[in-house]
């Protein structure tokens, strides 16, 4: 069943690339893993749905490669490419807000899925924090797409990130609280999302039933 789920996610590629990815999922030693990592990153940067799912595909390839030869070629190439994209993040954001949001979604998804000895990869902790801090800046808080991305990622990986560096999470939430209280140009949806994430963390990364009803009926309306 697991593989059929992965197959479903790679339908958006041309037949040759689909074939490359399907082979990588089953027999990574028989394909060019640098090419595979590039294909996955490129697609993640332009396809918002794929950027949310790519972590699982990467995890499957990493596991398959470790079984075959204890290798980590795929993971190394993936991290190199993520580092390049991370360094170019301001240019990406200026060029295409959608690509920037896809990048943040993707790097957080990789952080969520790829573990070493059941722990998140240290190499990703500060880059992920830096991306979230960027989303917490005043110009980003005025953009609903970026606020939405920020809140989604914190829901997904906030507690894991906090375990890796509580100090940086405190700093991030100071910035968010100040943005919520002091930023004048915030839309009502951005304000609601920020208030919800402030409460979410204050409640130990969960919402009370009452808060859940309040926020999600507001969002539905």
C-alpha atoms as a PDB file:
ATOM      1  CA  UNK A   1       0.000   0.000   0.000  1.00  0.00           C
ATOM      2  CA  UNK A   2       2.804   2.399   0.966  1.00  0.00           C
ATOM      3  CA  UNK A   3       4.395   2.199  -2.478  1.00  0.00           C
ATOM      4  CA  UNK A   4       1.119   2.739  -4.290  1.00  0.00           C
ATOM      5  CA  UNK A   5       0.761   5.974  -2.287  1.00  0.00           C
ATOM      6  CA  UNK A   6       4.213   7.066  -3.493  1.00  0.00           C
ATOM      7  CA  UNK A   7       3.287   6.095  -7.061  1.00  0.00           C
ATOM      8  CA  UNK A   8       0.207   8.277  -6.853  1.00  0.00           C
ATOM      9  CA  UNK A   9       2.306  11.300  -5.866  1.00  0.00           C
ATOM     10  CA  UNK A  10       4.602  11.008  -8.858  1.00  0.00           C
ATOM     11  CA  UNK A  11       1.837  11.094 -11.465  1.00  0.00           C
ATOM     12  CA  UNK A  12       2.615  14.777 -12.075  1.00  0.00           C
ATOM     13  CA  UNK A  13       5.919  13.876 -13.803  1.00  0.00           C
ATOM     14  CA  UNK A  14       6.557  12.862 -17.412  1.00  0.00           C
ATOM     15  CA  UNK A  15       6.773   9.065 -17.967  1.00  0.00           C
ATOM     16  CA  UNK A  16      10.589   8.965 -18.009  1.00  0.00           C
ATOM     17  CA  UNK A  17      10.870  10.845 -14.704  1.00  0.00           C
ATOM     18  CA  UNK A  18       8.089   8.753 -13.162  1.00  0.00           C
ATOM     19  CA  UNK A  19      10.083   5.693 -14.072  1.00  0.00           C
ATOM     20  CA  UNK A  20      13.269   7.165 -12.554  1.00  0.00           C
ATOM     21  CA  UNK A  21      11.493   7.919  -9.256  1.00  0.00           C
ATOM     22  CA  UNK A  22       9.698   4.572  -9.078  1.00  0.00           C
ATOM     23  CA  UNK A  23      13.030   2.796  -9.567  1.00  0.00           C
ATOM     24  CA  UNK A  24      14.678   5.024  -6.918  1.00  0.00           C
ATOM     25  CA  UNK A  25      11.971   4.054  -4.426  1.00  0.00           C
ATOM     26  CA  UNK A  26      12.614   0.345  -4.955  1.00  0.00           C
ATOM     27  CA  UNK A  27      16.236  -0.007  -6.099  1.00  0.00           C
ATOM     28  CA  UNK A  28      18.133   3.251  -5.494  1.00  0.00           C
ATOM     29  CA  UNK A  29      21.536   1.778  -6.336  1.00  0.00           C
ATOM     30  CA  UNK A  30      20.478   1.365  -9.980  1.00  0.00           C
ATOM     31  CA  UNK A  31      19.766   5.073 -10.694  1.00  0.00           C
ATOM     32  CA  UNK A  32      21.593   8.405 -10.608  1.00  0.00           C
ATOM     33  CA  UNK A  33      20.645   9.609  -7.122  1.00  0.00           C
ATOM     34  CA  UNK A  34      21.962  13.116  -7.687  1.00  0.00           C
ATOM     35  CA  UNK A  35      19.524  13.442 -10.574  1.00  0.00           C
ATOM     36  CA  UNK A  36      16.729  12.004  -8.423  1.00  0.00           C
ATOM     37  CA  UNK A  37      17.317  14.560  -5.651  1.00  0.00           C
ATOM     38  CA  UNK A  38      17.349  17.409  -8.206  1.00  0.00           C
ATOM     39  CA  UNK A  39      14.088  16.238  -9.759  1.00  0.00           C
ATOM     40  CA  UNK A  40      12.409  16.098  -6.332  1.00  0.00           C
ATOM     41  CA  UNK A  41      13.656  19.536  -5.257  1.00  0.00           C
ATOM     42  CA  UNK A  42      12.773  21.162  -8.608  1.00  0.00           C
ATOM     43  CA  UNK A  43       9.251  19.763  -8.513  1.00  0.00           C
ATOM     44  CA  UNK A  44       8.808  20.757  -4.854  1.00  0.00           C
ATOM     45  CA  UNK A  45       9.676  24.369  -5.657  1.00  0.00           C
ATOM     46  CA  UNK A  46       6.927  24.668  -8.240  1.00  0.00           C
ATOM     47  CA  UNK A  47       4.224  22.342  -6.969  1.00  0.00           C
ATOM     48  CA  UNK A  48       2.704  23.181  -3.611  1.00  0.00           C
ATOM     49  CA  UNK A  49       0.937  19.825  -3.212  1.00  0.00           C
ATOM     50  CA  UNK A  50       4.124  17.909  -3.991  1.00  0.00           C
ATOM     51  CA  UNK A  51       6.205  20.054  -1.594  1.00  0.00           C
ATOM     52  CA  UNK A  52       3.979  18.801   1.269  1.00  0.00           C
ATOM     53  CA  UNK A  53       4.415  15.155   0.280  1.00  0.00           C
ATOM     54  CA  UNK A  54       8.013  14.985  -0.934  1.00  0.00           C
ATOM     55  CA  UNK A  55       9.414  14.257   2.538  1.00  0.00           C
ATOM     56  CA  UNK A  56       7.768  10.853   2.571  1.00  0.00           C
ATOM     57  CA  UNK A  57       9.225   9.995  -0.856  1.00  0.00           C
ATOM     58  CA  UNK A  58      12.696  11.127   0.269  1.00  0.00           C
ATOM     59  CA  UNK A  59      12.350   9.074   3.448  1.00  0.00           C
ATOM     60  CA  UNK A  60      11.466   5.963   1.408  1.00  0.00           C
ATOM     61  CA  UNK A  61      14.504   6.421  -0.861  1.00  0.00           C
ATOM     62  CA  UNK A  62      16.845   7.028   2.107  1.00  0.00           C
ATOM     63  CA  UNK A  63      15.570   3.860   3.805  1.00  0.00           C
ATOM     64  CA  UNK A  64      15.899   1.813   0.609  1.00  0.00           C
ATOM     65  CA  UNK A  65      19.439   3.084   0.001  1.00  0.00           C
ATOM     66  CA  UNK A  66      20.510   2.312   3.573  1.00  0.00           C
ATOM     67  CA  UNK A  67      19.299  -1.278   3.154  1.00  0.00           C
ATOM     68  CA  UNK A  68      21.236  -1.836  -0.061  1.00  0.00           C
ATOM     69  CA  UNK A  69      24.704  -0.554   0.736  1.00  0.00           C
ATOM     70  CA  UNK A  70      24.388   1.517   3.881  1.00  0.00           C
ATOM     71  CA  UNK A  71      24.837   4.493   1.554  1.00  0.00           C
ATOM     72  CA  UNK A  72      23.694   8.078   1.914  1.00  0.00           C
ATOM     73  CA  UNK A  73      24.386   9.479  -1.573  1.00  0.00           C
ATOM     74  CA  UNK A  74      20.783  10.552  -1.978  1.00  0.00           C
ATOM     75  CA  UNK A  75      20.607  12.275   1.410  1.00  0.00           C
ATOM     76  CA  UNK A  76      23.918  14.056   0.858  1.00  0.00           C
ATOM     77  CA  UNK A  77      22.814  15.378  -2.541  1.00  0.00           C
ATOM     78  CA  UNK A  78      19.440  16.385  -1.154  1.00  0.00           C
ATOM     79  CA  UNK A  79      21.047  18.351   1.701  1.00  0.00           C
ATOM     80  CA  UNK A  80      23.535  20.039  -0.670  1.00  0.00           C
ATOM     81  CA  UNK A  81      20.710  21.149  -2.892  1.00  0.00           C
ATOM     82  CA  UNK A  82      18.634  22.348   0.076  1.00  0.00           C
ATOM     83  CA  UNK A  83      21.621  24.376   1.258  1.00  0.00           C
ATOM     84  CA  UNK A  84      21.934  26.071  -2.160  1.00  0.00           C
ATOM     85  CA  UNK A  85      18.224  26.916  -2.196  1.00  0.00           C
ATOM     86  CA  UNK A  86      18.420  28.121   1.399  1.00  0.00           C
ATOM     87  CA  UNK A  87      21.287  30.495   0.565  1.00  0.00           C
ATOM     88  CA  UNK A  88      19.289  31.920  -2.349  1.00  0.00           C
ATOM     89  CA  UNK A  89      16.069  32.280  -0.335  1.00  0.00           C
ATOM     90  CA  UNK A  90      15.803  36.100  -0.489  1.00  0.00           C
ATOM     91  CA  UNK A  91      16.193  36.097  -4.279  1.00  0.00           C
ATOM     92  CA  UNK A  92      13.623  33.321  -4.488  1.00  0.00           C
ATOM     93  CA  UNK A  93      11.169  35.274  -2.353  1.00  0.00           C
ATOM     94  CA  UNK A  94      11.637  38.435  -4.461  1.00  0.00           C
ATOM     95  CA  UNK A  95      11.213  36.464  -7.676  1.00  0.00           C
ATOM     96  CA  UNK A  96       8.266  34.275  -6.722  1.00  0.00           C
ATOM     97  CA  UNK A  97       6.340  34.193  -3.488  1.00  0.00           C
ATOM     98  CA  UNK A  98       4.831  30.853  -4.444  1.00  0.00           C
ATOM     99  CA  UNK A  99       8.263  29.296  -4.970  1.00  0.00           C
ATOM    100  CA  UNK A 100       9.428  30.655  -1.610  1.00  0.00           C
ATOM    101  CA  UNK A 101       6.397  29.215   0.212  1.00  0.00           C
ATOM    102  CA  UNK A 102       6.968  25.889  -1.575  1.00  0.00           C
ATOM    103  CA  UNK A 103      10.615  25.910  -0.473  1.00  0.00           C
ATOM    104  CA  UNK A 104       9.717  26.506   3.190  1.00  0.00           C
ATOM    105  CA  UNK A 105       7.050  23.786   3.045  1.00  0.00           C
ATOM    106  CA  UNK A 106       9.552  21.391   1.491  1.00  0.00           C
ATOM    107  CA  UNK A 107      12.439  22.003   3.921  1.00  0.00           C
ATOM    108  CA  UNK A 108      10.051  21.645   6.894  1.00  0.00           C
ATOM    109  CA  UNK A 109       8.669  18.433   5.377  1.00  0.00           C
ATOM    110  CA  UNK A 110      12.198  17.034   5.018  1.00  0.00           C
ATOM    111  CA  UNK A 111      12.953  18.053   8.616  1.00  0.00           C
ATOM    112  CA  UNK A 112       9.819  16.176   9.700  1.00  0.00           C
ATOM    113  CA  UNK A 113      10.561  12.946   7.810  1.00  0.00           C
ATOM    114  CA  UNK A 114      14.327  12.472   7.653  1.00  0.00           C
ATOM    115  CA  UNK A 115      15.686  11.408  11.005  1.00  0.00           C
ATOM    116  CA  UNK A 116      19.073  10.164  12.187  1.00  0.00           C
ATOM    117  CA  UNK A 117      18.752   7.718  15.108  1.00  0.00           C
ATOM    118  CA  UNK A 118      15.139   8.879  15.499  1.00  0.00           C
ATOM    119  CA  UNK A 119      16.244  12.491  15.958  1.00  0.00           C
ATOM    120  CA  UNK A 120      15.740  15.367  13.516  1.00  0.00           C
ATOM    121  CA  UNK A 121      18.855  16.243  11.510  1.00  0.00           C
ATOM    122  CA  UNK A 122      20.869  18.932  13.293  1.00  0.00           C
ATOM    123  CA  UNK A 123      21.976  20.299   9.907  1.00  0.00           C
ATOM    124  CA  UNK A 124      18.385  21.406   9.237  1.00  0.00           C
ATOM    125  CA  UNK A 125      17.447  22.917  12.605  1.00  0.00           C
ATOM    126  CA  UNK A 126      18.844  26.428  12.096  1.00  0.00           C
ATOM    127  CA  UNK A 127      17.968  26.731   8.384  1.00  0.00           C
ATOM    128  CA  UNK A 128      14.356  25.785   9.221  1.00  0.00           C
ATOM    129  CA  UNK A 129      14.311  28.329  12.065  1.00  0.00           C
ATOM    130  CA  UNK A 130      15.791  30.995   9.766  1.00  0.00           C
ATOM    131  CA  UNK A 131      13.010  30.387   7.226  1.00  0.00           C
ATOM    132  CA  UNK A 132      10.332  30.658   9.916  1.00  0.00           C
ATOM    133  CA  UNK A 133      11.906  33.857  11.260  1.00  0.00           C
ATOM    134  CA  UNK A 134      11.774  35.260   7.731  1.00  0.00           C
ATOM    135  CA  UNK A 135       8.053  34.457   7.579  1.00  0.00           C
ATOM    136  CA  UNK A 136       7.628  36.303  10.894  1.00  0.00           C
ATOM    137  CA  UNK A 137       9.033  39.601   9.544  1.00  0.00           C
ATOM    138  CA  UNK A 138       6.642  42.536   9.159  1.00  0.00           C
ATOM    139  CA  UNK A 139       6.457  42.388   5.331  1.00  0.00           C
ATOM    140  CA  UNK A 140       5.653  38.654   5.414  1.00  0.00           C
ATOM    141  CA  UNK A 141       3.029  39.018   8.137  1.00  0.00           C
ATOM    142  CA  UNK A 142       1.125  41.315   5.775  1.00  0.00           C
ATOM    143  CA  UNK A 143       0.957  38.490   3.262  1.00  0.00           C
ATOM    144  CA  UNK A 144      -1.690  35.908   4.060  1.00  0.00           C
ATOM    145  CA  UNK A 145       0.012  33.156   2.034  1.00  0.00           C
ATOM    146  CA  UNK A 146       3.192  33.500   4.112  1.00  0.00           C
ATOM    147  CA  UNK A 147       1.329  33.647   7.437  1.00  0.00           C
ATOM    148  CA  UNK A 148      -0.626  30.561   6.431  1.00  0.00           C
ATOM    149  CA  UNK A 149       2.619  28.761   5.568  1.00  0.00           C
ATOM    150  CA  UNK A 150       4.243  29.791   8.871  1.00  0.00           C
ATOM    151  CA  UNK A 151       1.317  28.590  10.975  1.00  0.00           C
ATOM    152  CA  UNK A 152       1.006  25.286   9.076  1.00  0.00           C
ATOM    153  CA  UNK A 153       4.700  24.512   9.573  1.00  0.00           C
ATOM    154  CA  UNK A 154       4.574  25.366  13.284  1.00  0.00           C
ATOM    155  CA  UNK A 155       1.570  23.074  13.694  1.00  0.00           C
ATOM    156  CA  UNK A 156       3.456  20.311  11.998  1.00  0.00           C
ATOM    157  CA  UNK A 157       6.980  20.573  13.441  1.00  0.00           C
ATOM    158  CA  UNK A 158       6.870  23.246  16.172  1.00  0.00           C
ATOM    159  CA  UNK A 159       7.166  20.829  19.084  1.00  0.00           C
ATOM    160  CA  UNK A 160      10.071  18.932  17.420  1.00  0.00           C
ATOM    161  CA  UNK A 161      11.855  22.206  16.654  1.00  0.00           C
ATOM    162  CA  UNK A 162      11.379  23.459  20.186  1.00  0.00           C
ATOM    163  CA  UNK A 163      12.991  20.292  21.551  1.00  0.00           C
ATOM    164  CA  UNK A 164      16.013  20.987  19.318  1.00  0.00           C
ATOM    165  CA  UNK A 165      16.353  24.651  20.371  1.00  0.00           C
ATOM    166  CA  UNK A 166      13.939  26.087  22.915  1.00  0.00           C
ATOM    167  CA  UNK A 167      15.750  29.451  22.935  1.00  0.00           C
ATOM    168  CA  UNK A 168      15.170  30.044  19.233  1.00  0.00           C
ATOM    169  CA  UNK A 169      11.508  29.069  19.580  1.00  0.00           C
ATOM    170  CA  UNK A 170      11.131  31.591  22.420  1.00  0.00           C
ATOM    171  CA  UNK A 171      12.743  34.252  20.220  1.00  0.00           C
ATOM    172  CA  UNK A 172      10.476  33.375  17.289  1.00  0.00           C
ATOM    173  CA  UNK A 173       7.370  33.662  19.454  1.00  0.00           C
ATOM    174  CA  UNK A 174       8.499  37.049  20.838  1.00  0.00           C
ATOM    175  CA  UNK A 175       8.656  38.250  17.228  1.00  0.00           C
ATOM    176  CA  UNK A 176       5.235  36.756  16.442  1.00  0.00           C
ATOM    177  CA  UNK A 177       3.633  38.228  19.548  1.00  0.00           C
ATOM    178  CA  UNK A 178       5.070  41.659  18.759  1.00  0.00           C
ATOM    179  CA  UNK A 179       3.886  41.336  15.162  1.00  0.00           C
ATOM    180  CA  UNK A 180       0.403  40.421  16.358  1.00  0.00           C
ATOM    181  CA  UNK A 181       0.242  43.300  18.874  1.00  0.00           C
ATOM    182  CA  UNK A 182       2.121  46.067  17.084  1.00  0.00           C
ATOM    183  CA  UNK A 183       1.870  45.506  13.331  1.00  0.00           C
ATOM    184  CA  UNK A 184      -0.785  47.790  11.914  1.00  0.00           C
ATOM    185  CA  UNK A 185      -1.197  46.438   8.397  1.00  0.00           C
ATOM    186  CA  UNK A 186      -2.277  42.899   9.340  1.00  0.00           C
ATOM    187  CA  UNK A 187      -5.367  41.454   7.689  1.00  0.00           C
ATOM    188  CA  UNK A 188      -8.065  39.913   9.882  1.00  0.00           C
ATOM    189  CA  UNK A 189      -7.227  36.379   8.714  1.00  0.00           C
ATOM    190  CA  UNK A 190      -3.492  36.864   9.455  1.00  0.00           C
ATOM    191  CA  UNK A 191      -4.436  38.185  12.904  1.00  0.00           C
ATOM    192  CA  UNK A 192      -6.652  35.183  13.596  1.00  0.00           C
ATOM    193  CA  UNK A 193      -3.963  32.715  12.452  1.00  0.00           C
ATOM    194  CA  UNK A 194      -1.321  34.392  14.609  1.00  0.00           C
ATOM    195  CA  UNK A 195      -3.548  34.414  17.666  1.00  0.00           C
ATOM    196  CA  UNK A 196      -4.314  30.737  17.092  1.00  0.00           C
ATOM    197  CA  UNK A 197      -0.618  29.748  16.859  1.00  0.00           C
ATOM    198  CA  UNK A 198       0.232  31.803  19.970  1.00  0.00           C
ATOM    199  CA  UNK A 199      -2.455  29.892  21.883  1.00  0.00           C
ATOM    200  CA  UNK A 200      -1.428  26.608  20.303  1.00  0.00           C
ATOM    201  CA  UNK A 201       2.106  26.843  21.654  1.00  0.00           C
ATOM    202  CA  UNK A 202       0.950  28.242  25.018  1.00  0.00           C
ATOM    203  CA  UNK A 203      -1.194  25.097  25.361  1.00  0.00           C
ATOM    204  CA  UNK A 204       1.834  22.824  24.888  1.00  0.00           C
ATOM    205  CA  UNK A 205       1.399  22.544  21.101  1.00  0.00           C
ATOM    206  CA  UNK A 206      -2.265  21.678  21.258  1.00  0.00           C
ATOM    207  CA  UNK A 207      -5.548  23.557  21.309  1.00  0.00           C
ATOM    208  CA  UNK A 208      -8.332  23.113  23.806  1.00  0.00           C
ATOM    209  CA  UNK A 209     -11.635  21.937  22.320  1.00  0.00           C
ATOM    210  CA  UNK A 210     -13.148  25.369  22.888  1.00  0.00           C
ATOM    211  CA  UNK A 211     -10.278  27.115  21.102  1.00  0.00           C
ATOM    212  CA  UNK A 212     -10.438  24.559  18.284  1.00  0.00           C
ATOM    213  CA  UNK A 213     -14.150  25.289  17.753  1.00  0.00           C
ATOM    214  CA  UNK A 214     -13.594  29.037  17.931  1.00  0.00           C
ATOM    215  CA  UNK A 215     -10.742  29.209  15.409  1.00  0.00           C
ATOM    216  CA  UNK A 216     -11.968  26.646  12.966  1.00  0.00           C
ATOM    217  CA  UNK A 217     -15.545  27.919  12.843  1.00  0.00           C
ATOM    218  CA  UNK A 218     -14.057  31.409  12.215  1.00  0.00           C
ATOM    219  CA  UNK A 219     -11.855  30.055   9.436  1.00  0.00           C
ATOM    220  CA  UNK A 220     -14.811  28.218   7.877  1.00  0.00           C
ATOM    221  CA  UNK A 221     -16.904  31.392   7.928  1.00  0.00           C
END
